[in-house]
Amino acid sequence: MRKGAGVSMGRVWLVLCLAWTVSSADRAVTGPVITWMIRHKIGFMAVPDPYALGGLIGSIFFAGYMLAQFPGGYAGDRNGHRSVIVISLGWAAVATLLSGLAGALAAFMAVRIFTGLGEGIYYANDRAVIAETTPPERRSLGMGVVITGLSIGITLAIAATPALISLGAAVLGEAAAWRMPFFALSAISAVIAWLVWRGLAATRTPQDRPWRALVQLVPYTAAFFALVFGLFLLARAFALAPWKVTVAEVVLALGTVFFVWRVKGTEIAGAIGSRDLVLLYVSFIPILWTLWFLSFWAVAIVSAGSGGSFQAAALTAMFTGLSGIVGYPAGGWIADWTLRAGIGRKPVLIGCTVSQAALTFALARYLQAGGHDPVVLATLLFTSGLFFNALQPVAHALVADLAAPAQRGAAFGTYNLIGEIGAVLSPTVSGTMRDAFGGWAPAVYLDAALVVASAVVVAFVRERLRVPAESR
């Protein structure tokens, strides 16, 4: 019997969707805040190459987020996935508050690494809880409905940031106005953490031991914090370019992957021993490149050359998040239907990926031609986002289908660990390209090409064309 079978599946989905909303808002708010600071030449963003530095801030968050993926899933498999989910949400609330309190660049970098580590332990456990409590023939839909919170959170973060900054200017003064979005999200995150803990209470099992999970996580996260922040301090001492720091962060990620394979390989063979799982892991790198390229720089892309207000740019950019509210559940529903029909989830995944790539090429071409009409930009962001968001729950369900049930946390942790290489690289590489070329079109072209590569990798995945036996 699946864990939590006596509890409303819809209730679990709703609670986890709330958790995704606040978790994604906490991380997505940094992009529009940094864009505002660049436009107003405020604080530590008043530098000669602001987009490269802004990209490094995004990348260093994802370095922590990426490195925490495997420890988070591993701890959840042993001490309860629900325990780790609530630890992550509470951690994020504290870290987001500290982000607003930070003043100097080094302090801000430190708390963004700390935030990434706390939020990084969430993903694998959320996906594992859905797999436990949802019949496999509805798994893609469940994955899609829940992760709709990601789009809601990104949309709210982008749309609300201008108003929160205006409030901050009135309360804190112009120079400190950027702090208000972090303060507001910290308070909301604390409330949601409590609601999620209460909402998942009925599904908890004797395996859920929050304090033991936290004790298991602390050594990993402390070591990763020291590595990433130490790397940043070394980069400052030797005046390394932001892209070089990002490459070093990826080396840390590859070292973590090597550790997983060599030290934990036998113990978690059901998570890393499958050729098809490894292909899915690799195919996720371009997907997370796209997700955090657009989430971090969408406002800057829209505002480039338009001369419009920051608020107008944010309202246009939020269409990249709004598309997920439709795309996530739609992709999940279609993939569940094709699985039951004997077609499988893989054709849906490839079709959505190729469609997204084509629309991203169209966006790059429009930007290259000097286009900045907000209606056209919103349309391109929304339509490409529909396919982009639709493909993700399909891929998540495939991972759940192929991984050993007892090791799904480790599987999703490894999946996101490898995929986050794209998230670490994209803000810095894209920001550096913007500074070098004076426009966003080259970075968007690169994004589209990477998405094509993802579709090619997925083509080699061998899917089980049947409803998994655990559903019967």
Protein backbone atom coordinates (compact mmCIF):
# COMPACT_ATOMS: atom_id res chain seq x y z
CA MET A 1 0.00 0.00 0.00
CA ARG A 2 1.25 3.50 -0.78
CA LYS A 3 2.15 5.70 2.16
CA GLY A 4 -0.60 8.11 3.02
CA ALA A 5 -3.18 6.11 1.02
CA GLY A 6 -5.88 7.01 3.56
CA VAL A 7 -5.29 10.72 3.14
CA SER A 8 -6.83 12.85 0.42
CA MET A 9 -4.46 12.89 -2.54
CA GLY A 10 -5.77 16.35 -3.44
CA ARG A 11 -4.87 17.66 0.02
CA VAL A 12 -1.29 16.44 -0.34
CA TRP A 13 -1.05 18.05 -3.77
CA LEU A 14 -2.43 21.37 -2.46
CA VAL A 15 -0.07 21.52 0.52
CA LEU A 16 2.98 20.72 -1.59
CA CYS A 17 1.88 23.27 -4.20
CA LEU A 18 1.84 25.93 -1.46
CA ALA A 19 5.34 24.86 -0.44
CA TRP A 20 6.57 25.16 -4.03
CA THR A 21 5.00 28.62 -4.32
CA VAL A 22 6.88 30.14 -1.42
CA SER A 23 10.09 28.21 -2.09
CA SER A 24 10.30 29.37 -5.71
CA ALA A 25 9.36 32.96 -4.79
CA ASP A 26 12.22 33.07 -2.26
CA ARG A 27 14.75 32.18 -4.94
CA ALA A 28 13.17 34.00 -7.92
CA VAL A 29 12.90 37.38 -6.19
CA THR A 30 16.66 37.90 -6.43
CA GLY A 31 16.61 38.38 -10.21
CA PRO A 32 14.21 41.36 -10.35
CA VAL A 33 15.79 42.85 -7.21
CA ILE A 34 19.25 42.70 -8.81
CA THR A 35 17.85 44.16 -12.07
CA TRP A 36 16.37 47.09 -10.10
CA MET A 37 19.68 47.65 -8.29
CA ILE A 38 21.55 47.66 -11.62
CA ARG A 39 19.13 50.18 -13.15
CA HIS A 40 19.45 52.48 -10.15
CA LYS A 41 23.19 51.89 -9.57
CA ILE A 42 22.57 51.07 -5.93
CA GLY A 43 24.80 49.37 -3.38
CA PHE A 44 27.11 46.56 -4.41
CA MET A 45 25.62 46.48 -7.94
CA ALA A 46 27.18 49.85 -8.89
CA VAL A 47 30.08 48.19 -10.74
CA PRO A 48 31.48 48.33 -14.33
CA ASP A 49 30.12 44.87 -15.34
CA PRO A 50 26.86 44.65 -13.39
CA TYR A 51 25.20 41.86 -15.39
CA ALA A 52 28.17 39.54 -14.96
CA LEU A 53 28.15 40.21 -11.20
CA GLY A 54 24.37 39.78 -11.05
CA GLY A 55 24.71 36.48 -12.84
CA LEU A 56 27.37 35.37 -10.36
CA ILE A 57 24.97 36.12 -7.49
CA GLY A 58 22.39 33.88 -9.14
CA SER A 59 24.94 31.19 -9.86
CA ILE A 60 26.36 31.11 -6.36
CA PHE A 61 22.86 30.55 -4.98
CA PHE A 62 22.45 27.61 -7.32
CA ALA A 63 25.84 26.24 -6.39
CA GLY A 64 24.52 25.74 -2.86
CA TYR A 65 21.13 24.59 -4.15
CA MET A 66 22.75 22.07 -6.48
CA LEU A 67 25.17 20.58 -3.96
CA ALA A 68 22.37 20.01 -1.42
CA GLN A 69 20.27 17.92 -3.79
CA PHE A 70 21.74 14.50 -3.10
CA PRO A 71 22.14 14.92 0.68
CA GLY A 72 18.53 16.13 0.85
CA GLY A 73 17.14 13.11 -0.99
CA TYR A 74 19.42 10.71 0.87
CA ALA A 75 18.35 12.11 4.26
CA GLY A 76 14.69 11.92 3.23
CA ASP A 77 14.97 8.24 2.24
CA ARG A 78 16.29 7.47 5.72
CA ASN A 79 14.54 9.94 8.04
CA GLY A 80 11.31 10.82 6.24
CA HIS A 81 10.68 12.98 3.21
CA ARG A 82 8.12 15.12 5.06
CA SER A 83 10.67 15.95 7.76
CA VAL A 84 13.14 17.29 5.21
CA ILE A 85 10.43 19.30 3.41
CA VAL A 86 9.55 21.24 6.57
CA ILE A 87 13.22 21.70 7.51
CA SER A 88 13.79 23.20 4.05
CA LEU A 89 10.88 25.63 4.33
CA GLY A 90 11.87 26.84 7.81
CA TRP A 91 15.48 27.17 6.73
CA ALA A 92 14.44 29.25 3.70
CA ALA A 93 12.38 31.61 5.88
CA VAL A 94 15.40 32.39 8.09
CA ALA A 95 17.81 32.65 5.15
CA THR A 96 15.53 34.99 3.19
CA LEU A 97 15.33 37.30 6.20
CA LEU A 98 19.13 37.31 6.40
CA SER A 99 19.29 38.16 2.69
CA GLY A 100 17.38 41.36 3.39
CA LEU A 101 19.64 42.22 6.32
CA ALA A 102 22.91 41.74 4.43
CA GLY A 103 24.74 44.89 3.42
CA ALA A 104 28.13 44.17 1.85
CA LEU A 105 28.54 41.97 -1.21
CA ALA A 106 30.39 39.24 0.71
CA ALA A 107 27.62 39.02 3.32
CA PHE A 108 24.94 38.89 0.62
CA MET A 109 26.84 36.13 -1.20
CA ALA A 110 27.14 34.16 2.05
CA VAL A 111 23.43 34.27 2.84
CA ARG A 112 22.47 33.40 -0.77
CA ILE A 113 24.67 30.29 -0.53
CA PHE A 114 23.03 29.49 2.80
CA THR A 115 19.59 29.98 1.23
CA GLY A 116 20.46 27.72 -1.69
CA LEU A 117 21.60 24.94 0.63
CA GLY A 118 18.34 25.06 2.58
CA GLU A 119 16.10 25.17 -0.48
CA GLY A 120 18.14 22.53 -2.28
CA ILE A 121 17.08 19.78 0.11
CA TYR A 122 13.39 20.29 -0.77
CA TYR A 123 13.02 19.08 -4.36
CA ALA A 124 13.87 15.39 -4.07
CA ASN A 125 11.58 14.93 -1.07
CA ASP A 126 8.60 16.70 -2.63
CA ARG A 127 8.81 14.47 -5.73
CA ALA A 128 9.18 11.37 -3.55
CA VAL A 129 6.09 12.21 -1.45
CA ILE A 130 4.00 12.59 -4.60
CA ALA A 131 5.25 9.24 -5.91
CA GLU A 132 4.36 7.61 -2.57
CA THR A 133 0.83 9.02 -2.31
CA THR A 134 -0.29 9.09 -5.97
CA PRO A 135 -1.23 6.11 -8.19
CA PRO A 136 1.36 5.73 -10.98
CA GLU A 137 -1.28 6.19 -13.68
CA ARG A 138 -1.90 9.71 -12.27
CA ARG A 139 1.69 10.45 -11.35
CA SER A 140 2.48 12.90 -14.16
CA LEU A 141 -0.65 14.90 -13.33
CA GLY A 142 0.28 14.98 -9.65
CA MET A 143 3.80 16.11 -10.44
CA GLY A 144 2.38 18.81 -12.73
CA VAL A 145 -0.31 20.12 -10.37
CA VAL A 146 2.11 20.39 -7.46
CA ILE A 147 4.92 22.04 -9.37
CA THR A 148 2.45 24.65 -10.63
CA GLY A 149 3.47 26.32 -7.39
CA LEU A 150 6.86 26.96 -8.97
CA SER A 151 5.25 29.10 -11.66
CA ILE A 152 2.92 30.80 -9.20
CA GLY A 153 5.88 31.67 -6.98
CA ILE A 154 7.99 32.97 -9.87
CA THR A 155 5.05 35.02 -11.17
CA LEU A 156 4.32 36.52 -7.78
CA ALA A 157 8.00 37.28 -7.15
CA ILE A 158 8.38 39.09 -10.48
CA ALA A 159 5.04 40.91 -10.35
CA ALA A 160 5.16 41.93 -6.68
CA THR A 161 8.79 43.05 -6.51
CA PRO A 162 8.19 46.58 -7.93
CA ALA A 163 5.39 47.25 -5.43
CA LEU A 164 7.43 45.85 -2.53
CA ILE A 165 10.43 47.95 -3.54
CA SER A 166 8.20 51.04 -3.67
CA LEU A 167 6.97 50.19 -0.18
CA GLY A 168 10.57 49.70 0.89
CA ALA A 169 11.51 53.14 -0.46
CA ALA A 170 8.75 54.72 1.63
CA VAL A 171 9.61 52.78 4.80
CA LEU A 172 13.36 52.15 4.56
CA GLY A 173 14.56 54.84 2.15
CA GLU A 174 15.63 54.62 -1.49
CA ALA A 175 19.04 53.05 -0.85
CA ALA A 176 17.55 50.22 1.23
CA ALA A 177 14.31 49.75 -0.73
CA TRP A 178 15.55 46.47 -2.28
CA ARG A 179 15.47 44.80 1.14
CA MET A 180 11.67 44.87 1.50
CA PRO A 181 10.89 41.93 -0.89
CA PHE A 182 13.15 39.68 1.19
CA PHE A 183 11.54 40.77 4.46
CA ALA A 184 8.03 40.18 3.13
CA LEU A 185 8.83 36.74 1.69
CA SER A 186 10.56 35.66 4.89
CA ALA A 187 7.39 36.25 6.90
CA ILE A 188 5.23 34.46 4.33
CA SER A 189 7.65 31.52 4.20
CA ALA A 190 7.47 31.03 7.96
CA VAL A 191 3.66 30.85 7.84
CA ILE A 192 3.66 28.41 4.92
CA ALA A 193 6.22 26.17 6.67
CA TRP A 194 3.82 25.81 9.60
CA LEU A 195 0.84 25.14 7.29
CA VAL A 196 2.73 22.47 5.37
CA TRP A 197 3.78 20.73 8.56
CA ARG A 198 0.16 20.64 9.71
CA GLY A 199 -1.12 19.65 6.28
CA LEU A 200 1.21 16.66 5.95
CA ALA A 201 0.76 15.51 9.55
CA ALA A 202 -1.69 12.74 8.65
CA THR A 203 0.72 11.22 6.12
CA ARG A 204 3.72 11.07 8.47
CA THR A 205 5.17 7.66 9.30
CA PRO A 206 7.49 6.39 12.08
CA GLN A 207 10.31 6.96 9.61
CA ASP A 208 9.81 10.75 9.88
CA ARG A 209 12.39 11.98 12.38
CA PRO A 210 13.05 15.70 11.79
CA TRP A 211 15.88 16.10 14.28
CA ARG A 212 17.75 13.08 12.97
CA ALA A 213 17.29 14.37 9.42
CA LEU A 214 18.67 17.76 10.44
CA VAL A 215 21.66 16.17 12.19
CA GLN A 216 22.38 14.14 9.06
CA LEU A 217 22.16 17.23 6.85
CA VAL A 218 24.34 19.60 8.89
CA PRO A 219 27.77 18.09 8.10
CA TYR A 220 27.03 18.03 4.35
CA THR A 221 25.68 21.58 4.22
CA ALA A 222 28.43 22.98 6.44
CA ALA A 223 31.10 21.45 4.20
CA PHE A 224 29.39 22.69 1.03
CA PHE A 225 28.99 26.20 2.47
CA ALA A 226 32.69 26.33 3.33
CA LEU A 227 33.63 25.14 -0.17
CA VAL A 228 31.40 27.56 -2.10
CA PHE A 229 31.99 30.62 0.07
CA GLY A 230 35.71 29.85 0.22
CA LEU A 231 35.69 29.73 -3.57
CA PHE A 232 34.05 33.16 -3.68
CA LEU A 233 36.62 34.63 -1.26
CA LEU A 234 39.48 33.18 -3.31
CA ALA A 235 37.92 34.65 -6.46
CA ARG A 236 37.79 38.10 -4.84
CA ALA A 237 41.38 37.82 -3.63
CA PHE A 238 42.66 36.91 -7.10
CA ALA A 239 40.14 39.08 -9.02
CA LEU A 240 38.78 36.14 -11.02
CA ALA A 241 36.14 36.85 -13.66
CA PRO A 242 32.62 35.74 -12.65
CA TRP A 243 32.49 33.08 -15.37
CA LYS A 244 35.66 31.48 -13.99
CA VAL A 245 34.08 31.26 -10.54
CA THR A 246 31.02 29.62 -12.09
CA VAL A 247 33.17 27.03 -13.86
CA ALA A 248 34.81 26.23 -10.51
CA GLU A 249 31.33 25.77 -8.99
CA VAL A 250 30.53 23.24 -11.70
CA VAL A 251 33.75 21.39 -10.85
CA LEU A 252 32.45 21.14 -7.27
CA ALA A 253 29.22 19.67 -8.62
CA LEU A 254 31.09 17.10 -10.69
CA GLY A 255 33.11 16.20 -7.61
CA THR A 256 29.87 15.59 -5.73
CA VAL A 257 28.61 13.37 -8.55
CA PHE A 258 31.88 11.42 -8.42
CA PHE A 259 31.44 11.02 -4.63
CA VAL A 260 27.91 9.68 -5.12
CA TRP A 261 29.04 7.15 -7.72
CA ARG A 262 32.14 5.93 -5.89
CA VAL A 263 31.14 6.02 -2.22
CA LYS A 264 27.36 5.46 -2.33
CA GLY A 265 27.12 3.58 -5.62
CA THR A 266 26.29 0.13 -4.24
CA GLU A 267 23.93 1.48 -1.58
CA ILE A 268 21.84 3.49 -4.06
CA ALA A 269 22.21 1.36 -7.17
CA GLY A 270 18.47 1.71 -7.81
CA ALA A 271 18.95 5.46 -8.25
CA ILE A 272 22.12 5.62 -10.34
CA GLY A 273 22.56 2.16 -11.87
CA SER A 274 20.22 2.65 -14.82
CA ARG A 275 21.50 3.89 -18.18
CA ASP A 276 18.09 5.42 -18.87
CA LEU A 277 18.04 7.32 -15.58
CA VAL A 278 21.50 8.72 -16.29
CA LEU A 279 20.31 9.94 -19.70
CA LEU A 280 17.34 11.67 -18.05
CA TYR A 281 19.67 13.27 -15.52
CA VAL A 282 21.86 14.70 -18.31
CA SER A 283 18.85 15.86 -20.35
CA PHE A 284 17.76 18.01 -17.40
CA ILE A 285 20.84 20.28 -17.58
CA PRO A 286 19.46 22.41 -20.48
CA ILE A 287 16.01 22.48 -18.87
CA LEU A 288 17.28 24.04 -15.66
CA TRP A 289 19.54 26.31 -17.69
CA THR A 290 16.38 27.67 -19.34
CA LEU A 291 14.36 27.84 -16.14
CA TRP A 292 16.81 30.02 -14.26
CA PHE A 293 18.05 31.97 -17.26
CA LEU A 294 14.52 33.29 -17.78
CA SER A 295 13.56 33.44 -14.11
CA PHE A 296 16.67 35.46 -13.28
CA TRP A 297 16.97 37.69 -16.35
CA ALA A 298 13.42 37.89 -17.81
CA VAL A 299 12.84 41.42 -16.50
CA ALA A 300 16.19 42.58 -17.91
CA ILE A 301 15.45 40.94 -21.29
CA VAL A 302 12.05 42.59 -21.57
CA SER A 303 13.25 46.02 -20.46
CA ALA A 304 16.28 46.09 -22.79
CA GLY A 305 15.83 48.80 -25.39
CA SER A 306 12.20 49.52 -24.50
CA GLY A 307 12.75 52.51 -22.26
CA GLY A 308 9.71 51.43 -20.24
CA SER A 309 9.32 51.42 -16.48
CA PHE A 310 10.64 48.67 -14.24
CA GLN A 311 7.09 47.75 -13.23
CA ALA A 312 5.92 47.47 -16.85
CA ALA A 313 8.88 45.20 -17.65
CA ALA A 314 8.10 43.03 -14.64
CA LEU A 315 4.44 42.67 -15.64
CA THR A 316 5.49 41.56 -19.14
CA ALA A 317 8.19 39.20 -17.86
CA MET A 318 5.79 37.48 -15.50
CA PHE A 319 4.20 35.71 -18.48
CA THR A 320 7.11 33.29 -18.35
CA GLY A 321 5.78 32.23 -14.95
CA LEU A 322 2.09 32.40 -15.80
CA SER A 323 2.56 29.83 -18.57
CA GLY A 324 3.38 27.19 -15.97
CA ILE A 325 -0.03 27.48 -14.34
CA VAL A 326 -1.44 25.95 -17.53
CA GLY A 327 1.60 24.05 -18.82
CA TYR A 328 2.51 22.00 -15.76
CA PRO A 329 -0.84 20.25 -15.19
CA ALA A 330 -1.58 20.00 -18.94
CA GLY A 331 1.70 18.22 -19.65
CA GLY A 332 1.14 15.88 -16.73
CA TRP A 333 -2.42 15.02 -17.78
CA ILE A 334 -1.43 14.34 -21.40
CA ALA A 335 1.49 12.12 -20.37
CA ASP A 336 -0.70 10.06 -18.02
CA TRP A 337 -3.22 9.59 -20.83
CA THR A 338 -0.54 8.50 -23.33
CA LEU A 339 0.88 6.07 -20.75
CA ARG A 340 -2.52 4.43 -20.26
CA ALA A 341 -2.98 4.33 -24.04
CA GLY A 342 0.28 2.40 -24.44
CA ILE A 343 2.10 5.27 -26.16
CA GLY A 344 4.20 6.21 -23.16
CA ARG A 345 5.39 9.47 -21.65
CA LYS A 346 8.55 9.81 -23.75
CA PRO A 347 6.87 11.06 -26.99
CA VAL A 348 5.17 13.83 -25.01
CA LEU A 349 8.50 14.80 -23.45
CA ILE A 350 10.28 14.99 -26.82
CA GLY A 351 7.41 16.84 -28.51
CA CYS A 352 7.25 19.51 -25.82
CA THR A 353 11.03 19.94 -25.79
CA VAL A 354 11.29 20.41 -29.57
CA SER A 355 8.35 22.87 -29.57
CA GLN A 356 9.97 24.89 -26.80
CA ALA A 357 13.26 25.04 -28.72
CA ALA A 358 11.53 26.33 -31.86
CA LEU A 359 9.74 29.11 -29.98
CA THR A 360 12.94 30.07 -28.14
CA PHE A 361 14.69 30.45 -31.50
CA ALA A 362 11.81 32.73 -32.55
CA LEU A 363 12.32 34.84 -29.42
CA ALA A 364 16.06 35.13 -30.14
CA ARG A 365 15.38 36.17 -33.74
CA TYR A 366 12.91 38.84 -32.58
CA LEU A 367 15.42 40.25 -30.09
CA GLN A 368 18.17 40.20 -32.72
CA ALA A 369 15.95 42.27 -35.04
CA GLY A 370 15.59 44.88 -32.30
CA GLY A 371 12.04 43.97 -31.31
CA HIS A 372 10.78 45.17 -27.94
CA ASP A 373 7.00 45.27 -28.28
CA PRO A 374 5.68 44.04 -24.88
CA VAL A 375 2.73 42.19 -26.48
CA VAL A 376 5.01 40.21 -28.79
CA LEU A 377 7.49 39.51 -26.00
CA ALA A 378 4.74 38.40 -23.62
CA THR A 379 3.29 36.12 -26.31
CA LEU A 380 6.64 34.49 -27.07
CA LEU A 381 7.47 34.05 -23.40
CA PHE A 382 4.06 32.56 -22.66
CA THR A 383 3.88 30.14 -25.62
CA SER A 384 7.44 28.84 -25.24
CA GLY A 385 6.81 28.58 -21.52
CA LEU A 386 3.73 26.41 -22.06
CA PHE A 387 5.79 23.66 -23.68
CA PHE A 388 8.73 24.20 -21.36
CA ASN A 389 6.59 23.80 -18.25
CA ALA A 390 4.57 20.93 -19.72
CA LEU A 391 7.66 18.79 -20.27
CA GLN A 392 8.88 18.92 -16.66
CA PRO A 393 6.24 16.79 -14.87
CA VAL A 394 6.55 14.28 -17.70
CA ALA A 395 10.28 13.94 -17.06
CA HIS A 396 9.73 13.77 -13.28
CA ALA A 397 7.22 10.94 -13.69
CA LEU A 398 9.66 9.06 -15.93
CA VAL A 399 12.31 9.30 -13.20
CA ALA A 400 9.81 7.95 -10.64
CA ASP A 401 8.85 5.10 -12.99
CA LEU A 402 12.45 4.05 -13.63
CA ALA A 403 13.92 4.47 -10.12
CA ALA A 404 13.69 1.85 -7.37
CA PRO A 405 10.83 2.97 -5.04
CA ALA A 406 12.97 2.84 -1.89
CA GLN A 407 15.57 5.10 -3.49
CA ARG A 408 13.42 7.71 -5.22
CA GLY A 409 14.71 10.46 -2.94
CA ALA A 410 18.29 9.67 -3.97
CA ALA A 411 17.20 9.42 -7.62
CA PHE A 412 15.48 12.81 -7.64
CA GLY A 413 18.37 14.30 -5.68
CA THR A 414 20.86 13.04 -8.26
CA TYR A 415 18.56 14.18 -11.09
CA ASN A 416 18.42 17.72 -9.79
CA LEU A 417 22.08 17.72 -8.73
CA ILE A 418 23.17 17.04 -12.31
CA GLY A 419 20.45 19.26 -13.80
CA GLU A 420 21.42 22.19 -11.59
CA ILE A 421 24.73 22.41 -13.44
CA GLY A 422 22.64 24.28 -16.01
CA ALA A 423 21.14 26.56 -13.37
CA VAL A 424 24.58 27.40 -11.98
CA LEU A 425 26.02 28.22 -15.40
CA SER A 426 23.13 30.08 -17.04
CA PRO A 427 22.87 33.32 -14.98
CA THR A 428 26.60 34.04 -15.13
CA VAL A 429 27.23 32.88 -18.70
CA SER A 430 24.16 34.75 -19.95
CA GLY A 431 24.99 37.90 -17.98
CA THR A 432 28.57 37.81 -19.26
CA MET A 433 27.30 37.41 -22.84
CA ARG A 434 24.98 40.40 -22.31
CA ASP A 435 27.90 42.55 -21.19
CA ALA A 436 30.08 41.30 -24.08
CA PHE A 437 27.53 41.61 -26.93
CA GLY A 438 25.42 44.49 -25.65
CA GLY A 439 22.17 42.55 -26.10
CA TRP A 440 20.33 39.40 -25.03
CA ALA A 441 19.85 37.67 -28.42
CA PRO A 442 23.09 35.61 -28.34
CA ALA A 443 22.24 34.24 -24.89
CA VAL A 444 18.73 33.29 -26.05
CA TYR A 445 20.14 31.54 -29.15
CA LEU A 446 22.45 29.53 -26.90
CA ASP A 447 19.50 28.58 -24.69
CA ALA A 448 17.52 27.31 -27.71
CA ALA A 449 20.45 25.21 -28.95
CA LEU A 450 20.85 23.58 -25.55
CA VAL A 451 17.16 22.66 -25.47
CA VAL A 452 17.57 20.90 -28.83
CA ALA A 453 20.43 18.90 -27.29
CA SER A 454 18.12 17.88 -24.43
CA ALA A 455 15.58 16.44 -26.90
CA VAL A 456 18.33 14.44 -28.62
CA VAL A 457 19.44 12.91 -25.30
CA VAL A 458 15.86 11.97 -24.34
CA ALA A 459 15.46 10.18 -27.69
CA PHE A 460 17.88 7.50 -26.42
CA VAL A 461 15.91 6.80 -23.21
CA ARG A 462 14.16 3.41 -23.13
CA GLU A 463 10.75 3.71 -21.49
CA ARG A 464 8.65 0.97 -19.94
CA LEU A 465 5.47 1.11 -21.99
CA ARG A 466 3.15 -0.04 -19.23
CA VAL A 467 1.56 1.24 -16.05
CA PRO A 468 3.98 0.27 -13.23
CA ALA A 469 2.94 -2.81 -11.25
CA GLU A 470 2.72 -0.85 -7.98
CA SER A 471 -0.52 0.74 -9.23
CA ARG A 472 -2.33 -2.57 -9.39
